[in-house]
Amino acid sequence: MSGMSYLAVIERYHQYRDALSELLSSILTGMGDVQLLVDDAARVKALNCVVRHYPFVELLYLLDSAGRQATTNIAAGNAAGSDSSGMGRDRSMRPYYQLARTSSGVVITPPYLSSASNLLCVSAALPLTDPTSGARMIVVLDIDLSSAIEFMMGDHARRRFQPAFKTIYSVIVLGLVAVAGVLLYAAFAELLALPAMSNDPAALHLKPFSVIIFLTLALAIFDLGKTILEEEVLMHKDIFRHSSTRRTITRFIAAILIAVSIEALLLMFKSALGVTHEMGEAVWMMFAAVGLLVGLGLYVYLGAHAEALLTQVPKR
């Protein structure tokens, strides 16, 4: 449940580009007043008001007709810690100025890397004319693209609890790793006890199977902990896509499938060494492994097919 990767942000941006453009246009049109051109306090008040309702907004500043920044940055969010005021910087080559100088309405730029927050952002620009001096100014509003997409998807509130979720999952992973460590200790303890059983050939032949059982269980539990760590703590997980859930379930069932298959093979080998009463259990475990494999294949196929149909609906 880490932050969205750049690829995920760009993919979601193309999916919600029209809605995002409409939202930014409405925000900037609503706050676009000539009072912003002459009053610093009005600009600060306008940005604070917008940030309360739209927490993804980061920067507000003005450009003159030549593309030079005429005010300092009024920053919020991730850009609040920026050291640069931006006053007097030449921004005539920036895409928002190039678009706004020939437009009379709100223009929206494609995503780019913000110099203030070092994150992907989108800028909206609105040309305004000072009624007293007649000077043409451009109001520029920068937003954090990742936060804006989360806001539009209704995922912003859940992100507040993300540190708590990560902490809980990390504790669970530590517990699973500890259990795997105990099983590894038991496996090597059994392995070290083998020389002492040299006088009992029958027990000596069966003892390695208990070692393999402990190792197999340790492998399955460790792989489960590794999957939880990767899926829930280290990687970004898009809960709005079935593929994320399908990936987690696939990895979890695959670990169980491997463990069941190994246990079934062990029972068959023990039956071959004389423990014939366990042959029936071994066969049933093999059938269980085949059932898991078939069920997993159907789940992956049907899940991918269903997601393909769902992704075609918004395009239509």
C-alpha atoms as a PDB file:
ATOM      1  CA  MET A   1       0.000   0.000   0.000  1.00  0.00           C
ATOM      2  CA  SER A   2       2.771   2.397  -0.851  1.00  0.00           C
ATOM      3  CA  GLY A   3       2.223   5.514  -2.920  1.00  0.00           C
ATOM      4  CA  MET A   4       1.232   5.249  -6.542  1.00  0.00           C
ATOM      5  CA  SER A   5       4.113   4.672  -8.941  1.00  0.00           C
ATOM      6  CA  TYR A   6       4.700   7.042 -11.835  1.00  0.00           C
ATOM      7  CA  LEU A   7       3.338   4.466 -14.271  1.00  0.00           C
ATOM      8  CA  ALA A   8       0.166   4.060 -12.225  1.00  0.00           C
ATOM      9  CA  VAL A   9      -0.282   7.836 -11.930  1.00  0.00           C
ATOM     10  CA  ILE A  10       0.133   8.393 -15.670  1.00  0.00           C
ATOM     11  CA  GLU A  11      -2.208   5.517 -16.497  1.00  0.00           C
ATOM     12  CA  ARG A  12      -4.895   6.855 -14.175  1.00  0.00           C
ATOM     13  CA  TYR A  13      -4.336  10.378 -15.522  1.00  0.00           C
ATOM     14  CA  HIS A  14      -5.184   9.265 -19.052  1.00  0.00           C
ATOM     15  CA  GLN A  15      -8.243   7.483 -17.707  1.00  0.00           C
ATOM     16  CA  TYR A  16      -9.552  10.526 -15.785  1.00  0.00           C
ATOM     17  CA  ARG A  17      -8.021  13.330 -17.867  1.00  0.00           C
ATOM     18  CA  ASP A  18     -11.306  14.910 -18.951  1.00  0.00           C
ATOM     19  CA  ALA A  19     -12.792  14.830 -15.447  1.00  0.00           C
ATOM     20  CA  LEU A  20      -9.569  16.253 -13.983  1.00  0.00           C
ATOM     21  CA  SER A  21      -9.540  19.074 -16.523  1.00  0.00           C
ATOM     22  CA  GLU A  22     -13.124  19.975 -15.698  1.00  0.00           C
ATOM     23  CA  LEU A  23     -12.362  19.945 -11.970  1.00  0.00           C
ATOM     24  CA  LEU A  24      -9.301  22.196 -12.327  1.00  0.00           C
ATOM     25  CA  SER A  25     -11.171  24.552 -14.629  1.00  0.00           C
ATOM     26  CA  SER A  26     -13.984  24.918 -12.114  1.00  0.00           C
ATOM     27  CA  ILE A  27     -11.532  25.506  -9.236  1.00  0.00           C
ATOM     28  CA  LEU A  28      -9.510  28.154 -11.040  1.00  0.00           C
ATOM     29  CA  THR A  29     -12.571  29.830 -12.544  1.00  0.00           C
ATOM     30  CA  GLY A  30     -14.171  30.016  -9.104  1.00  0.00           C
ATOM     31  CA  MET A  31     -11.136  31.632  -7.489  1.00  0.00           C
ATOM     32  CA  GLY A  32     -10.113  33.701 -10.504  1.00  0.00           C
ATOM     33  CA  ASP A  33     -10.789  37.272  -9.462  1.00  0.00           C
ATOM     34  CA  VAL A  34      -8.933  40.495 -10.313  1.00  0.00           C
ATOM     35  CA  GLN A  35      -8.392  40.986  -6.564  1.00  0.00           C
ATOM     36  CA  LEU A  36      -5.748  38.249  -6.829  1.00  0.00           C
ATOM     37  CA  LEU A  37      -3.670  40.539  -9.055  1.00  0.00           C
ATOM     38  CA  VAL A  38      -3.158  43.299  -6.484  1.00  0.00           C
ATOM     39  CA  ASP A  39      -3.612  41.845  -3.004  1.00  0.00           C
ATOM     40  CA  ASP A  40      -1.237  39.291  -1.431  1.00  0.00           C
ATOM     41  CA  ALA A  41      -3.654  38.630   1.418  1.00  0.00           C
ATOM     42  CA  ALA A  42      -6.410  37.813  -1.081  1.00  0.00           C
ATOM     43  CA  ARG A  43      -4.169  35.248  -2.787  1.00  0.00           C
ATOM     44  CA  VAL A  44      -3.286  33.580   0.515  1.00  0.00           C
ATOM     45  CA  LYS A  45      -6.938  33.522   1.571  1.00  0.00           C
ATOM     46  CA  ALA A  46      -8.022  32.105  -1.800  1.00  0.00           C
ATOM     47  CA  LEU A  47      -5.453  29.283  -1.697  1.00  0.00           C
ATOM     48  CA  ASN A  48      -6.246  28.387   1.924  1.00  0.00           C
ATOM     49  CA  CYS A  49      -9.937  28.227   1.080  1.00  0.00           C
ATOM     50  CA  VAL A  50      -9.301  25.986  -1.910  1.00  0.00           C
ATOM     51  CA  VAL A  51      -6.918  23.684  -0.003  1.00  0.00           C
ATOM     52  CA  ARG A  52      -9.554  23.058   2.676  1.00  0.00           C
ATOM     53  CA  HIS A  53     -11.846  21.547   0.042  1.00  0.00           C
ATOM     54  CA  TYR A  54      -9.223  20.260  -2.417  1.00  0.00           C
ATOM     55  CA  PRO A  55      -6.129  19.108  -0.483  1.00  0.00           C
ATOM     56  CA  PHE A  56      -4.213  18.250  -3.652  1.00  0.00           C
ATOM     57  CA  VAL A  57      -3.677  21.949  -4.544  1.00  0.00           C
ATOM     58  CA  GLU A  58      -0.061  22.967  -3.913  1.00  0.00           C
ATOM     59  CA  LEU A  59       0.966  26.284  -5.486  1.00  0.00           C
ATOM     60  CA  LEU A  60      -0.527  29.615  -6.514  1.00  0.00           C
ATOM     61  CA  TYR A  61       1.430  32.415  -8.202  1.00  0.00           C
ATOM     62  CA  LEU A  62       1.130  35.080 -10.915  1.00  0.00           C
ATOM     63  CA  LEU A  63       3.010  35.640 -14.160  1.00  0.00           C
ATOM     64  CA  ASP A  64       3.283  38.912 -16.030  1.00  0.00           C
ATOM     65  CA  SER A  65       2.651  39.271 -19.749  1.00  0.00           C
ATOM     66  CA  ALA A  66       6.296  38.327 -20.495  1.00  0.00           C
ATOM     67  CA  GLY A  67       6.126  35.091 -18.558  1.00  0.00           C
ATOM     68  CA  ARG A  68       8.131  36.279 -15.555  1.00  0.00           C
ATOM     69  CA  GLN A  69       6.823  35.367 -12.092  1.00  0.00           C
ATOM     70  CA  ALA A  70       5.413  38.510 -10.506  1.00  0.00           C
ATOM     71  CA  THR A  71       4.631  37.124  -7.023  1.00  0.00           C
ATOM     72  CA  THR A  72       6.130  34.689  -4.572  1.00  0.00           C
ATOM     73  CA  ASN A  73       4.874  31.134  -4.372  1.00  0.00           C
ATOM     74  CA  ILE A  74       1.924  30.606  -2.060  1.00  0.00           C
ATOM     75  CA  ALA A  75       2.528  26.965  -1.198  1.00  0.00           C
ATOM     76  CA  ALA A  76       0.663  24.148   0.538  1.00  0.00           C
ATOM     77  CA  GLY A  77       0.905  20.375   0.788  1.00  0.00           C
ATOM     78  CA  ASN A  78       4.087  18.774  -0.532  1.00  0.00           C
ATOM     79  CA  ALA A  79       5.341  22.097  -1.932  1.00  0.00           C
ATOM     80  CA  ALA A  80       5.114  23.879   1.432  1.00  0.00           C
ATOM     81  CA  GLY A  81       8.704  22.927   2.283  1.00  0.00           C
ATOM     82  CA  SER A  82      10.156  24.398  -0.909  1.00  0.00           C
ATOM     83  CA  ASP A  83      12.965  26.896  -0.281  1.00  0.00           C
ATOM     84  CA  SER A  84      12.481  28.858  -3.509  1.00  0.00           C
ATOM     85  CA  SER A  85      10.036  31.774  -3.536  1.00  0.00           C
ATOM     86  CA  GLY A  86      10.030  31.839  -7.330  1.00  0.00           C
ATOM     87  CA  MET A  87       9.833  35.624  -7.451  1.00  0.00           C
ATOM     88  CA  GLY A  88      11.238  37.022 -10.696  1.00  0.00           C
ATOM     89  CA  ARG A  89      11.881  33.659 -12.368  1.00  0.00           C
ATOM     90  CA  ASP A  90      11.485  33.507 -16.111  1.00  0.00           C
ATOM     91  CA  ARG A  91       8.779  30.964 -16.902  1.00  0.00           C
ATOM     92  CA  SER A  92       8.142  32.016 -20.483  1.00  0.00           C
ATOM     93  CA  MET A  93       9.204  28.595 -21.771  1.00  0.00           C
ATOM     94  CA  ARG A  94       6.903  26.675 -19.444  1.00  0.00           C
ATOM     95  CA  PRO A  95       3.920  24.917 -21.084  1.00  0.00           C
ATOM     96  CA  TYR A  96       1.305  26.709 -18.969  1.00  0.00           C
ATOM     97  CA  TYR A  97       2.551  30.121 -20.140  1.00  0.00           C
ATOM     98  CA  GLN A  98       2.769  29.030 -23.769  1.00  0.00           C
ATOM     99  CA  LEU A  99      -0.832  27.809 -23.604  1.00  0.00           C
ATOM    100  CA  ALA A 100      -2.229  30.736 -21.585  1.00  0.00           C
ATOM    101  CA  ARG A 101      -0.732  33.612 -23.583  1.00  0.00           C
ATOM    102  CA  THR A 102      -2.907  32.782 -26.593  1.00  0.00           C
ATOM    103  CA  SER A 103      -5.998  31.802 -24.640  1.00  0.00           C
ATOM    104  CA  SER A 104      -8.759  33.691 -22.873  1.00  0.00           C
ATOM    105  CA  GLY A 105      -9.902  30.827 -20.643  1.00  0.00           C
ATOM    106  CA  VAL A 106      -8.452  28.163 -18.369  1.00  0.00           C
ATOM    107  CA  VAL A 107      -5.713  25.974 -19.878  1.00  0.00           C
ATOM    108  CA  ILE A 108      -4.456  22.683 -18.445  1.00  0.00           C
ATOM    109  CA  THR A 109      -0.948  21.318 -18.973  1.00  0.00           C
ATOM    110  CA  PRO A 110       0.063  17.672 -19.380  1.00  0.00           C
ATOM    111  CA  PRO A 111       1.785  16.078 -16.332  1.00  0.00           C
ATOM    112  CA  TYR A 112       5.347  17.154 -15.581  1.00  0.00           C
ATOM    113  CA  LEU A 113       7.800  16.976 -12.682  1.00  0.00           C
ATOM    114  CA  SER A 114       7.325  19.855 -10.250  1.00  0.00           C
ATOM    115  CA  SER A 115      10.454  21.763  -9.228  1.00  0.00           C
ATOM    116  CA  ALA A 116       8.829  22.632  -5.889  1.00  0.00           C
ATOM    117  CA  SER A 117       7.744  19.172  -4.710  1.00  0.00           C
ATOM    118  CA  ASN A 118       9.703  16.896  -7.099  1.00  0.00           C
ATOM    119  CA  LEU A 119       6.461  15.024  -7.793  1.00  0.00           C
ATOM    120  CA  LEU A 120       4.269  14.707 -10.853  1.00  0.00           C
ATOM    121  CA  CYS A 121       1.995  17.715 -11.094  1.00  0.00           C
ATOM    122  CA  VAL A 122      -0.430  19.430 -13.455  1.00  0.00           C
ATOM    123  CA  SER A 123      -0.763  23.206 -13.823  1.00  0.00           C
ATOM    124  CA  ALA A 124      -3.885  25.206 -14.622  1.00  0.00           C
ATOM    125  CA  ALA A 125      -3.510  28.789 -15.866  1.00  0.00           C
ATOM    126  CA  LEU A 126      -6.065  31.560 -16.304  1.00  0.00           C
ATOM    127  CA  PRO A 127      -5.293  34.948 -17.970  1.00  0.00           C
ATOM    128  CA  LEU A 128      -6.760  37.977 -16.198  1.00  0.00           C
ATOM    129  CA  THR A 129      -6.633  41.677 -17.030  1.00  0.00           C
ATOM    130  CA  ASP A 130      -6.170  44.316 -14.344  1.00  0.00           C
ATOM    131  CA  PRO A 131      -9.068  46.787 -14.857  1.00  0.00           C
ATOM    132  CA  THR A 132      -7.071  49.752 -13.499  1.00  0.00           C
ATOM    133  CA  SER A 133      -3.733  49.332 -15.260  1.00  0.00           C
ATOM    134  CA  GLY A 134      -4.851  47.184 -18.177  1.00  0.00           C
ATOM    135  CA  ALA A 135      -1.940  44.789 -17.554  1.00  0.00           C
ATOM    136  CA  ARG A 136      -2.473  41.184 -18.549  1.00  0.00           C
ATOM    137  CA  MET A 137      -1.521  38.696 -15.822  1.00  0.00           C
ATOM    138  CA  ILE A 138      -1.731  34.905 -15.651  1.00  0.00           C
ATOM    139  CA  VAL A 139      -2.873  33.081 -12.515  1.00  0.00           C
ATOM    140  CA  VAL A 140      -1.176  29.673 -12.226  1.00  0.00           C
ATOM    141  CA  LEU A 141      -2.380  26.883  -9.959  1.00  0.00           C
ATOM    142  CA  ASP A 142      -0.288  23.717  -9.460  1.00  0.00           C
ATOM    143  CA  ILE A 143      -1.690  20.440  -8.121  1.00  0.00           C
ATOM    144  CA  ASP A 144      -0.173  17.162  -6.998  1.00  0.00           C
ATOM    145  CA  LEU A 145      -1.341  14.728  -9.671  1.00  0.00           C
ATOM    146  CA  SER A 146      -1.217  11.603  -7.513  1.00  0.00           C
ATOM    147  CA  SER A 147      -3.248  13.202  -4.699  1.00  0.00           C
ATOM    148  CA  ALA A 148      -5.737  14.613  -7.203  1.00  0.00           C
ATOM    149  CA  ILE A 149      -6.353  11.186  -8.726  1.00  0.00           C
ATOM    150  CA  GLU A 150      -6.811   9.650  -5.269  1.00  0.00           C
ATOM    151  CA  PHE A 151      -9.238  12.461  -4.404  1.00  0.00           C
ATOM    152  CA  MET A 152     -11.279  11.883  -7.557  1.00  0.00           C
ATOM    153  CA  MET A 153     -11.370   8.131  -6.958  1.00  0.00           C
ATOM    154  CA  GLY A 154     -12.572   8.636  -3.383  1.00  0.00           C
ATOM    155  CA  ASP A 155      -9.370   7.114  -2.001  1.00  0.00           C
ATOM    156  CA  HIS A 156      -8.051  10.145  -0.146  1.00  0.00           C
ATOM    157  CA  ALA A 157      -9.623   9.343   3.239  1.00  0.00           C
ATOM    158  CA  ARG A 158      -8.313   5.752   3.192  1.00  0.00           C
ATOM    159  CA  ARG A 159      -4.793   7.035   2.622  1.00  0.00           C
ATOM    160  CA  ARG A 160      -4.859   8.724   6.040  1.00  0.00           C
ATOM    161  CA  PHE A 161      -4.927   5.295   7.678  1.00  0.00           C
ATOM    162  CA  GLN A 162      -2.179   3.894   5.446  1.00  0.00           C
ATOM    163  CA  PRO A 163       0.617   4.211   8.073  1.00  0.00           C
ATOM    164  CA  ALA A 164      -1.504   2.274  10.576  1.00  0.00           C
ATOM    165  CA  PHE A 165      -2.268  -0.407   7.988  1.00  0.00           C
ATOM    166  CA  LYS A 166       1.415  -0.743   7.118  1.00  0.00           C
ATOM    167  CA  THR A 167       2.350  -1.056  10.778  1.00  0.00           C
ATOM    168  CA  ILE A 168      -0.196  -3.817  11.409  1.00  0.00           C
ATOM    169  CA  TYR A 169       0.838  -5.742   8.289  1.00  0.00           C
ATOM    170  CA  SER A 170       4.509  -5.381   9.251  1.00  0.00           C
ATOM    171  CA  VAL A 171       3.806  -6.839  12.708  1.00  0.00           C
ATOM    172  CA  ILE A 172       1.944  -9.764  11.106  1.00  0.00           C
ATOM    173  CA  VAL A 173       4.853 -10.378   8.730  1.00  0.00           C
ATOM    174  CA  LEU A 174       7.304 -10.383  11.653  1.00  0.00           C
ATOM    175  CA  GLY A 175       5.125 -12.968  13.402  1.00  0.00           C
ATOM    176  CA  LEU A 176       5.054 -15.193  10.320  1.00  0.00           C
ATOM    177  CA  VAL A 177       8.817 -14.910   9.891  1.00  0.00           C
ATOM    178  CA  ALA A 178       9.260 -15.829  13.558  1.00  0.00           C
ATOM    179  CA  VAL A 179       7.093 -18.945  13.076  1.00  0.00           C
ATOM    180  CA  ALA A 180       9.131 -19.857   9.987  1.00  0.00           C
ATOM    181  CA  GLY A 181      12.286 -19.439  12.065  1.00  0.00           C
ATOM    182  CA  VAL A 182      10.934 -21.810  14.724  1.00  0.00           C
ATOM    183  CA  LEU A 183      10.121 -24.389  12.039  1.00  0.00           C
ATOM    184  CA  LEU A 184      13.631 -24.049  10.583  1.00  0.00           C
ATOM    185  CA  TYR A 185      15.080 -24.588  14.048  1.00  0.00           C
ATOM    186  CA  ALA A 186      12.939 -27.715  14.465  1.00  0.00           C
ATOM    187  CA  ALA A 187      14.006 -28.987  11.035  1.00  0.00           C
ATOM    188  CA  PHE A 188      17.726 -28.621  11.756  1.00  0.00           C
ATOM    189  CA  ALA A 189      17.258 -30.096  15.230  1.00  0.00           C
ATOM    190  CA  GLU A 190      15.719 -33.166  13.602  1.00  0.00           C
ATOM    191  CA  LEU A 191      18.560 -33.221  11.083  1.00  0.00           C
ATOM    192  CA  LEU A 192      21.206 -33.139  13.806  1.00  0.00           C
ATOM    193  CA  ALA A 193      19.429 -35.976  15.628  1.00  0.00           C
ATOM    194  CA  LEU A 194      19.845 -38.359  12.668  1.00  0.00           C
ATOM    195  CA  PRO A 195      23.311 -39.745  13.662  1.00  0.00           C
ATOM    196  CA  ALA A 196      21.937 -40.819  17.040  1.00  0.00           C
ATOM    197  CA  MET A 197      19.394 -43.080  15.292  1.00  0.00           C
ATOM    198  CA  SER A 198      21.918 -45.127  13.353  1.00  0.00           C
ATOM    199  CA  ASN A 199      20.998 -48.224  15.411  1.00  0.00           C
ATOM    200  CA  ASP A 200      17.353 -48.064  14.279  1.00  0.00           C
ATOM    201  CA  PRO A 201      17.263 -48.298  10.455  1.00  0.00           C
ATOM    202  CA  ALA A 202      13.473 -48.118  10.197  1.00  0.00           C
ATOM    203  CA  ALA A 203      13.270 -44.903  12.209  1.00  0.00           C
ATOM    204  CA  LEU A 204      16.301 -43.527  10.366  1.00  0.00           C
ATOM    205  CA  HIS A 205      14.568 -43.976   7.017  1.00  0.00           C
ATOM    206  CA  LEU A 206      11.453 -42.070   8.156  1.00  0.00           C
ATOM    207  CA  LYS A 207      13.213 -39.309  10.089  1.00  0.00           C
ATOM    208  CA  PRO A 208      14.205 -37.233   7.008  1.00  0.00           C
ATOM    209  CA  PHE A 209      10.538 -36.929   6.119  1.00  0.00           C
ATOM    210  CA  SER A 210       9.847 -34.956   9.310  1.00  0.00           C
ATOM    211  CA  VAL A 211      12.741 -32.652   8.371  1.00  0.00           C
ATOM    212  CA  ILE A 212      11.230 -32.075   4.944  1.00  0.00           C
ATOM    213  CA  ILE A 213       7.795 -31.439   6.477  1.00  0.00           C
ATOM    214  CA  PHE A 214       9.201 -28.752   8.778  1.00  0.00           C
ATOM    215  CA  LEU A 215      11.129 -27.166   5.891  1.00  0.00           C
ATOM    216  CA  THR A 216       8.066 -27.228   3.647  1.00  0.00           C
ATOM    217  CA  LEU A 217       5.896 -25.564   6.270  1.00  0.00           C
ATOM    218  CA  ALA A 218       8.622 -22.967   6.887  1.00  0.00           C
ATOM    219  CA  LEU A 219       8.783 -22.299   3.138  1.00  0.00           C
ATOM    220  CA  ALA A 220       5.018 -21.878   2.826  1.00  0.00           C
ATOM    221  CA  ILE A 221       4.734 -19.594   5.875  1.00  0.00           C
ATOM    222  CA  PHE A 222       7.747 -17.505   4.866  1.00  0.00           C
ATOM    223  CA  ASP A 223       6.397 -17.154   1.333  1.00  0.00           C
ATOM    224  CA  LEU A 224       3.056 -16.013   2.770  1.00  0.00           C
ATOM    225  CA  GLY A 225       4.818 -13.391   4.890  1.00  0.00           C
ATOM    226  CA  LYS A 226       6.900 -12.272   1.905  1.00  0.00           C
ATOM    227  CA  THR A 227       3.728 -11.931  -0.200  1.00  0.00           C
ATOM    228  CA  ILE A 228       1.996  -9.832   2.479  1.00  0.00           C
ATOM    229  CA  LEU A 229       5.089  -7.637   2.850  1.00  0.00           C
ATOM    230  CA  GLU A 230       5.365  -7.010  -0.883  1.00  0.00           C
ATOM    231  CA  GLU A 231       1.663  -6.582  -1.614  1.00  0.00           C
ATOM    232  CA  GLU A 232       0.556  -4.597   1.432  1.00  0.00           C
ATOM    233  CA  VAL A 233       3.652  -2.695   2.578  1.00  0.00           C
ATOM    234  CA  LEU A 234       6.259  -2.253  -0.160  1.00  0.00           C
ATOM    235  CA  MET A 235       4.211  -2.126  -3.371  1.00  0.00           C
ATOM    236  CA  HIS A 236       1.332   0.076  -4.435  1.00  0.00           C
ATOM    237  CA  LYS A 237      -1.930  -1.855  -4.441  1.00  0.00           C
ATOM    238  CA  ASP A 238      -4.802  -0.439  -6.462  1.00  0.00           C
ATOM    239  CA  ILE A 239      -7.900  -1.619  -4.602  1.00  0.00           C
ATOM    240  CA  PHE A 240     -10.106  -0.382  -7.434  1.00  0.00           C
ATOM    241  CA  ARG A 241      -8.719  -3.028  -9.785  1.00  0.00           C
ATOM    242  CA  HIS A 242      -9.474  -6.705  -9.505  1.00  0.00           C
ATOM    243  CA  SER A 243      -6.028  -7.536 -10.892  1.00  0.00           C
ATOM    244  CA  SER A 244      -4.407  -6.447  -7.605  1.00  0.00           C
ATOM    245  CA  THR A 245      -6.581  -8.801  -5.562  1.00  0.00           C
ATOM    246  CA  ARG A 246      -6.170 -11.543  -8.170  1.00  0.00           C
ATOM    247  CA  ARG A 247      -2.386 -11.205  -7.984  1.00  0.00           C
ATOM    248  CA  THR A 248      -2.398 -11.562  -4.193  1.00  0.00           C
ATOM    249  CA  ILE A 249      -4.737 -14.569  -4.216  1.00  0.00           C
ATOM    250  CA  THR A 250      -2.747 -16.216  -7.015  1.00  0.00           C
ATOM    251  CA  ARG A 251       0.522 -15.950  -5.103  1.00  0.00           C
ATOM    252  CA  PHE A 252      -1.097 -17.167  -1.870  1.00  0.00           C
ATOM    253  CA  ILE A 253      -2.794 -20.180  -3.485  1.00  0.00           C
ATOM    254  CA  ALA A 254       0.385 -21.003  -5.401  1.00  0.00           C
ATOM    255  CA  ALA A 255       2.330 -21.219  -2.113  1.00  0.00           C
ATOM    256  CA  ILE A 256      -0.336 -23.515  -0.629  1.00  0.00           C
ATOM    257  CA  LEU A 257      -0.354 -25.613  -3.818  1.00  0.00           C
ATOM    258  CA  ILE A 258       3.394 -26.173  -3.621  1.00  0.00           C
ATOM    259  CA  ALA A 259       3.183 -27.153   0.057  1.00  0.00           C
ATOM    260  CA  VAL A 260       0.304 -29.599  -0.532  1.00  0.00           C
ATOM    261  CA  SER A 261       2.070 -31.171  -3.505  1.00  0.00           C
ATOM    262  CA  ILE A 262       5.276 -31.698  -1.520  1.00  0.00           C
ATOM    263  CA  GLU A 263       3.360 -33.213   1.386  1.00  0.00           C
ATOM    264  CA  ALA A 264       1.555 -35.594  -0.993  1.00  0.00           C
ATOM    265  CA  LEU A 265       4.880 -36.691  -2.487  1.00  0.00           C
ATOM    266  CA  LEU A 266       6.298 -37.286   0.978  1.00  0.00           C
ATOM    267  CA  LEU A 267       3.360 -39.522   1.890  1.00  0.00           C
ATOM    268  CA  MET A 268       3.846 -41.499  -1.324  1.00  0.00           C
ATOM    269  CA  PHE A 269       7.549 -41.946  -0.593  1.00  0.00           C
ATOM    270  CA  LYS A 270       6.742 -43.090   2.953  1.00  0.00           C
ATOM    271  CA  SER A 271       4.257 -45.593   1.514  1.00  0.00           C
ATOM    272  CA  ALA A 272       6.961 -46.894  -0.787  1.00  0.00           C
ATOM    273  CA  LEU A 273       9.183 -47.433   2.278  1.00  0.00           C
ATOM    274  CA  GLY A 274       6.567 -49.577   4.005  1.00  0.00           C
ATOM    275  CA  VAL A 275       4.023 -47.189   5.564  1.00  0.00           C
ATOM    276  CA  THR A 276       1.312 -48.422   3.201  1.00  0.00           C
ATOM    277  CA  HIS A 277      -1.666 -47.165   5.201  1.00  0.00           C
ATOM    278  CA  GLU A 278      -0.828 -43.565   4.177  1.00  0.00           C
ATOM    279  CA  MET A 279      -1.151 -44.223   0.427  1.00  0.00           C
ATOM    280  CA  GLY A 280      -4.847 -43.289   0.431  1.00  0.00           C
ATOM    281  CA  GLU A 281      -4.152 -39.943   2.106  1.00  0.00           C
ATOM    282  CA  ALA A 282      -1.363 -39.268  -0.418  1.00  0.00           C
ATOM    283  CA  VAL A 283      -3.713 -39.897  -3.357  1.00  0.00           C
ATOM    284  CA  TRP A 284      -6.396 -37.637  -1.901  1.00  0.00           C
ATOM    285  CA  MET A 285      -3.828 -34.889  -1.301  1.00  0.00           C
ATOM    286  CA  MET A 286      -2.740 -35.192  -4.933  1.00  0.00           C
ATOM    287  CA  PHE A 287      -6.363 -34.789  -6.002  1.00  0.00           C
ATOM    288  CA  ALA A 288      -6.588 -31.749  -3.718  1.00  0.00           C
ATOM    289  CA  ALA A 289      -3.490 -30.253  -5.373  1.00  0.00           C
ATOM    290  CA  VAL A 290      -4.970 -30.860  -8.828  1.00  0.00           C
ATOM    291  CA  GLY A 291      -8.244 -29.280  -7.693  1.00  0.00           C
ATOM    292  CA  LEU A 292      -6.397 -26.233  -6.392  1.00  0.00           C
ATOM    293  CA  LEU A 293      -4.491 -25.927  -9.655  1.00  0.00           C
ATOM    294  CA  VAL A 294      -7.634 -26.195 -11.799  1.00  0.00           C
ATOM    295  CA  GLY A 295      -9.545 -23.794  -9.562  1.00  0.00           C
ATOM    296  CA  LEU A 296      -6.687 -21.298  -9.637  1.00  0.00           C
ATOM    297  CA  GLY A 297      -6.517 -21.494 -13.421  1.00  0.00           C
ATOM    298  CA  LEU A 298     -10.262 -20.858 -13.733  1.00  0.00           C
ATOM    299  CA  TYR A 299     -10.087 -17.978 -11.266  1.00  0.00           C
ATOM    300  CA  VAL A 300      -7.212 -16.292 -13.112  1.00  0.00           C
ATOM    301  CA  TYR A 301      -8.863 -16.775 -16.508  1.00  0.00           C
ATOM    302  CA  LEU A 302     -12.325 -15.602 -15.460  1.00  0.00           C
ATOM    303  CA  GLY A 303     -10.902 -12.717 -13.413  1.00  0.00           C
ATOM    304  CA  ALA A 304      -8.802 -11.464 -16.323  1.00  0.00           C
ATOM    305  CA  HIS A 305     -11.766 -11.801 -18.679  1.00  0.00           C
ATOM    306  CA  ALA A 306     -14.061  -9.907 -16.297  1.00  0.00           C
ATOM    307  CA  GLU A 307     -11.526  -7.100 -15.834  1.00  0.00           C
ATOM    308  CA  ALA A 308     -11.093  -6.779 -19.592  1.00  0.00           C
ATOM    309  CA  LEU A 309     -14.853  -6.308 -19.929  1.00  0.00           C
ATOM    310  CA  LEU A 310     -14.938  -3.759 -17.107  1.00  0.00           C
ATOM    311  CA  THR A 311     -12.118  -1.695 -18.608  1.00  0.00           C
ATOM    312  CA  GLN A 312     -13.955  -1.566 -21.938  1.00  0.00           C
ATOM    313  CA  VAL A 313     -17.058  -0.003 -20.369  1.00  0.00           C
ATOM    314  CA  PRO A 314     -15.491   3.414 -19.524  1.00  0.00           C
ATOM    315  CA  LYS A 315     -13.933   3.597 -23.007  1.00  0.00           C
ATOM    316  CA  ARG A 316     -17.313   3.100 -24.618  1.00  0.00           C
END
